[in-house]
């Protein structure tokens, strides 16, 4: 039987998505206007949207 490689994540998925979105936006700043830049910005928006959905779906602590 093949063993699965497992990784212990040090950051939450939400934090990783936000970090990736920031990196994509930084890359897009360095590129001239065009299709590649638009693709990077679109991917950054998708990552940010996913992070917002995760935050929205998290159970809220009630005091």
N, C-alpha and C. Protein backbone atom coordinates (compact mmCIF):
# COMPACT_ATOMS: atom_id res chain seq x y z
N UNK A 1 0.83 -1.18 0.00
CA UNK A 1 0.00 0.00 0.00
C UNK A 1 0.88 1.25 0.00
N UNK A 2 0.51 2.22 -0.80
CA UNK A 2 1.28 3.46 -0.90
C UNK A 2 0.92 4.36 0.28
N UNK A 3 1.95 4.92 0.92
CA UNK A 3 1.72 5.84 2.03
C UNK A 3 1.52 7.25 1.48
N UNK A 4 0.57 7.95 2.06
CA UNK A 4 0.34 9.33 1.67
C UNK A 4 1.33 10.23 2.37
N UNK A 5 1.80 11.22 1.65
CA UNK A 5 2.68 12.22 2.26
C UNK A 5 1.81 13.28 2.90
N UNK A 6 1.96 13.47 4.18
CA UNK A 6 1.15 14.45 4.90
C UNK A 6 2.01 15.58 5.39
N UNK A 7 1.46 16.77 5.36
CA UNK A 7 2.16 17.96 5.81
C UNK A 7 1.36 18.63 6.90
N UNK A 8 2.03 19.06 7.92
CA UNK A 8 1.39 19.83 8.99
C UNK A 8 1.46 21.30 8.59
N UNK A 9 0.31 21.91 8.41
CA UNK A 9 0.25 23.31 8.01
C UNK A 9 0.52 24.19 9.23
N UNK A 10 1.39 25.20 9.06
CA UNK A 10 1.69 26.10 10.16
C UNK A 10 0.78 27.32 10.14
N UNK A 11 0.16 27.60 9.02
CA UNK A 11 -0.77 28.72 8.89
C UNK A 11 -2.15 28.17 8.52
N UNK A 12 -3.17 28.92 8.87
CA UNK A 12 -4.51 28.51 8.49
C UNK A 12 -4.69 28.72 6.98
N UNK A 13 -5.69 28.07 6.43
CA UNK A 13 -5.97 28.23 5.00
C UNK A 13 -6.26 29.68 4.68
N UNK A 14 -7.01 30.34 5.54
CA UNK A 14 -7.35 31.75 5.33
C UNK A 14 -6.08 32.61 5.24
N UNK A 15 -5.13 32.38 6.15
CA UNK A 15 -3.88 33.14 6.14
C UNK A 15 -3.07 32.86 4.88
N UNK A 16 -3.04 31.60 4.45
CA UNK A 16 -2.29 31.24 3.24
C UNK A 16 -2.91 31.89 2.01
N UNK A 17 -4.23 31.93 1.94
CA UNK A 17 -4.90 32.55 0.79
C UNK A 17 -4.60 34.05 0.73
N UNK A 18 -4.67 34.71 1.88
CA UNK A 18 -4.40 36.15 1.92
C UNK A 18 -2.95 36.43 1.53
N UNK A 19 -2.04 35.62 2.02
CA UNK A 19 -0.63 35.78 1.69
C UNK A 19 -0.39 35.59 0.19
N UNK A 20 -1.00 34.58 -0.38
CA UNK A 20 -0.86 34.32 -1.81
C UNK A 20 -1.44 35.48 -2.63
N UNK A 21 -2.56 36.03 -2.18
CA UNK A 21 -3.17 37.16 -2.89
C UNK A 21 -2.24 38.37 -2.87
N UNK A 22 -1.60 38.62 -1.72
CA UNK A 22 -0.65 39.73 -1.64
C UNK A 22 0.51 39.53 -2.61
N UNK A 23 1.05 38.32 -2.64
CA UNK A 23 2.17 38.03 -3.54
C UNK A 23 1.76 38.22 -5.00
N UNK A 24 0.57 37.78 -5.35
CA UNK A 24 0.10 37.93 -6.73
C UNK A 24 -0.05 39.40 -7.08
N UNK A 25 -0.57 40.19 -6.16
CA UNK A 25 -0.72 41.64 -6.42
C UNK A 25 0.65 42.31 -6.58
N UNK A 26 1.62 41.90 -5.78
CA UNK A 26 2.97 42.46 -5.90
C UNK A 26 3.57 42.11 -7.26
N UNK A 27 3.38 40.87 -7.71
CA UNK A 27 3.87 40.47 -9.03
C UNK A 27 3.20 41.28 -10.13
N UNK A 28 1.90 41.51 -9.96
CA UNK A 28 1.15 42.25 -10.98
C UNK A 28 1.62 43.70 -11.07
N UNK A 29 2.04 44.29 -9.94
CA UNK A 29 2.53 45.67 -9.95
C UNK A 29 3.77 45.82 -10.83
N UNK A 30 4.58 44.77 -10.89
CA UNK A 30 5.83 44.82 -11.63
C UNK A 30 5.66 44.57 -13.14
N UNK A 31 4.47 44.12 -13.53
CA UNK A 31 4.24 43.76 -14.93
C UNK A 31 3.56 44.91 -15.68
N UNK A 32 3.82 45.01 -16.97
CA UNK A 32 3.09 46.00 -17.77
C UNK A 32 1.64 45.55 -17.96
N UNK A 33 0.80 46.51 -18.27
CA UNK A 33 -0.61 46.20 -18.50
C UNK A 33 -0.73 45.16 -19.62
N UNK A 34 -1.62 44.20 -19.41
CA UNK A 34 -1.80 43.16 -20.42
C UNK A 34 -2.52 41.96 -19.84
N UNK A 35 -2.60 40.92 -20.63
CA UNK A 35 -3.35 39.73 -20.25
C UNK A 35 -2.75 39.02 -19.04
N UNK A 36 -1.41 38.91 -18.99
CA UNK A 36 -0.78 38.21 -17.86
C UNK A 36 -1.04 38.95 -16.55
N UNK A 37 -0.94 40.28 -16.60
CA UNK A 37 -1.19 41.08 -15.40
C UNK A 37 -2.64 40.91 -14.96
N UNK A 38 -3.55 40.94 -15.90
CA UNK A 38 -4.97 40.77 -15.57
C UNK A 38 -5.23 39.39 -14.96
N UNK A 39 -4.54 38.37 -15.47
CA UNK A 39 -4.69 37.02 -14.90
C UNK A 39 -4.21 36.98 -13.46
N UNK A 40 -3.09 37.63 -13.17
CA UNK A 40 -2.58 37.67 -11.80
C UNK A 40 -3.56 38.38 -10.87
N UNK A 41 -4.11 39.50 -11.33
CA UNK A 41 -5.06 40.25 -10.51
C UNK A 41 -6.35 39.46 -10.30
N UNK A 42 -6.78 38.73 -11.33
CA UNK A 42 -7.98 37.90 -11.20
C UNK A 42 -7.75 36.80 -10.18
N UNK A 43 -6.59 36.14 -10.26
CA UNK A 43 -6.27 35.09 -9.29
C UNK A 43 -6.21 35.65 -7.87
N UNK A 44 -5.67 36.87 -7.72
CA UNK A 44 -5.60 37.50 -6.40
C UNK A 44 -7.01 37.75 -5.86
N UNK A 45 -7.91 38.21 -6.73
CA UNK A 45 -9.30 38.42 -6.29
C UNK A 45 -9.96 37.11 -5.88
N UNK A 46 -9.69 36.02 -6.61
CA UNK A 46 -10.25 34.72 -6.26
C UNK A 46 -9.74 34.28 -4.89
N UNK A 47 -8.44 34.47 -4.65
CA UNK A 47 -7.86 34.08 -3.36
C UNK A 47 -8.48 34.89 -2.22
N UNK A 48 -8.66 36.19 -2.44
CA UNK A 48 -9.27 37.05 -1.42
C UNK A 48 -10.72 36.66 -1.18
N UNK A 49 -11.43 36.35 -2.24
CA UNK A 49 -12.83 35.93 -2.09
C UNK A 49 -12.93 34.63 -1.30
N UNK A 50 -12.05 33.70 -1.59
CA UNK A 50 -12.03 32.43 -0.86
C UNK A 50 -11.74 32.67 0.62
N UNK A 51 -10.80 33.56 0.92
CA UNK A 51 -10.47 33.86 2.31
C UNK A 51 -11.67 34.49 3.03
N UNK A 52 -12.39 35.38 2.33
CA UNK A 52 -13.58 35.98 2.94
C UNK A 52 -14.67 34.94 3.19
N UNK A 53 -14.83 34.00 2.26
CA UNK A 53 -15.83 32.95 2.46
C UNK A 53 -15.48 32.08 3.67
N UNK A 54 -14.22 31.75 3.80
CA UNK A 54 -13.79 30.94 4.95
C UNK A 54 -14.07 31.69 6.24
N UNK A 55 -13.74 33.00 6.27
CA UNK A 55 -14.00 33.79 7.47
C UNK A 55 -15.50 33.85 7.76
N UNK A 56 -16.29 33.95 6.72
CA UNK A 56 -17.74 34.02 6.89
C UNK A 56 -18.31 32.71 7.42
N UNK A 57 -17.73 31.60 6.98
CA UNK A 57 -18.23 30.28 7.37
C UNK A 57 -17.75 29.81 8.75
N UNK A 58 -16.71 30.46 9.27
CA UNK A 58 -16.19 30.07 10.58
C UNK A 58 -17.27 30.27 11.63
N UNK A 59 -17.34 29.34 12.57
CA UNK A 59 -18.30 29.55 13.65
C UNK A 59 -17.90 30.73 14.51
N UNK A 60 -18.85 31.53 14.84
CA UNK A 60 -18.60 32.71 15.66
C UNK A 60 -18.66 32.31 17.14
N UNK A 61 -17.72 32.83 17.90
CA UNK A 61 -17.73 32.58 19.34
C UNK A 61 -18.76 33.50 19.98
N UNK A 62 -19.64 32.93 20.75
CA UNK A 62 -20.67 33.73 21.41
C UNK A 62 -20.27 33.92 22.87
N UNK A 63 -20.40 35.14 23.32
CA UNK A 63 -20.00 35.44 24.71
C UNK A 63 -21.18 35.47 25.63
